Amino acid sequence: MFQNLHRSLDQGKTLKLQCEVCEHLATLTATDARARCGADATPMDIRRRAKCRGCGAEGRVRVWI
């Protein structure tokens, strides 16, 4: 079974994304992460769709909770 936001991101936790190019760090609450990415989004889905707001790099992020 694949991990997704619904299974791994409990209320009170945050999803963190950090750009591998410029090191820009973004954090999303559980509610915001599910709204933006979808509850069934896997870490690979999130990496693939992410675009850095700092430098504009696409698909180059580290994702963790």
Protein backbone atom coordinates (compact mmCIF):
# COMPACT_ATOMS: atom_id res chain seq x y z
CA MET A 1 0.00 0.00 0.00
CA PHE A 2 1.40 3.38 -1.03
CA GLN A 3 1.68 6.22 1.44
CA ASN A 4 -0.43 9.24 0.62
CA LEU A 5 -1.44 12.43 2.42
CA HIS A 6 -4.62 10.88 3.79
CA ARG A 7 -2.72 8.03 5.47
CA SER A 8 0.41 9.83 6.63
CA LEU A 9 -0.48 13.46 7.39
CA ASP A 10 -2.45 13.71 10.63
CA GLN A 11 -4.05 16.91 11.88
CA GLY A 12 -1.49 19.05 13.66
CA LYS A 13 1.37 17.90 11.42
CA THR A 14 2.83 19.88 8.54
CA LEU A 15 4.06 18.93 5.09
CA LYS A 16 7.45 20.45 4.30
CA LEU A 17 8.85 21.04 0.84
CA GLN A 18 12.38 22.31 0.24
CA CYS A 19 13.76 23.29 -3.13
CA GLU A 20 16.92 21.40 -4.08
CA VAL A 21 18.09 24.37 -6.17
CA CYS A 22 17.72 27.42 -3.93
CA GLU A 23 16.88 25.78 -0.56
CA HIS A 24 13.57 27.71 -0.29
CA LEU A 25 11.41 26.02 2.39
CA ALA A 26 7.61 25.91 2.35
CA THR A 27 5.35 24.35 4.96
CA LEU A 28 1.69 23.42 4.56
CA THR A 29 -0.78 22.43 7.26
CA ALA A 30 -2.52 19.08 6.83
CA THR A 31 -5.68 20.82 5.62
CA ASP A 32 -3.83 23.03 3.12
CA ALA A 33 -1.74 20.12 1.81
CA ARG A 34 -4.82 17.99 1.16
CA ALA A 35 -6.63 20.90 -0.50
CA ARG A 36 -3.71 21.77 -2.81
CA CYS A 37 -2.41 18.30 -3.60
CA GLY A 38 -5.37 16.00 -2.97
CA ALA A 39 -5.73 13.45 -0.19
CA ASP A 40 -4.53 10.62 -2.45
CA ALA A 41 -1.31 12.40 -3.51
CA THR A 42 1.85 10.37 -2.95
CA PRO A 43 5.25 11.93 -2.24
CA MET A 44 6.22 11.28 -5.89
CA ASP A 45 3.07 13.08 -7.11
CA ILE A 46 3.90 16.07 -4.93
CA ARG A 47 7.54 16.19 -6.09
CA ARG A 48 6.55 15.97 -9.74
CA ARG A 49 3.98 18.80 -9.54
CA ALA A 50 5.83 21.16 -7.18
CA LYS A 51 7.21 24.45 -8.44
CA CYS A 52 9.45 26.58 -6.23
CA ARG A 53 8.11 30.04 -5.48
CA GLY A 54 11.66 31.22 -4.84
CA CYS A 55 13.47 30.32 -8.07
CA GLY A 56 10.81 28.70 -10.25
CA ALA A 57 12.46 25.26 -10.44
CA GLU A 58 9.95 22.52 -11.22
CA GLY A 59 9.96 19.02 -9.76
CA ARG A 60 13.11 19.58 -7.70
CA VAL A 61 11.92 19.42 -4.10
CA ARG A 62 12.44 17.29 -1.01
CA VAL A 63 9.18 16.35 0.70
CA TRP A 64 8.76 15.27 4.33
CA ILE A 65 6.40 15.45 7.31
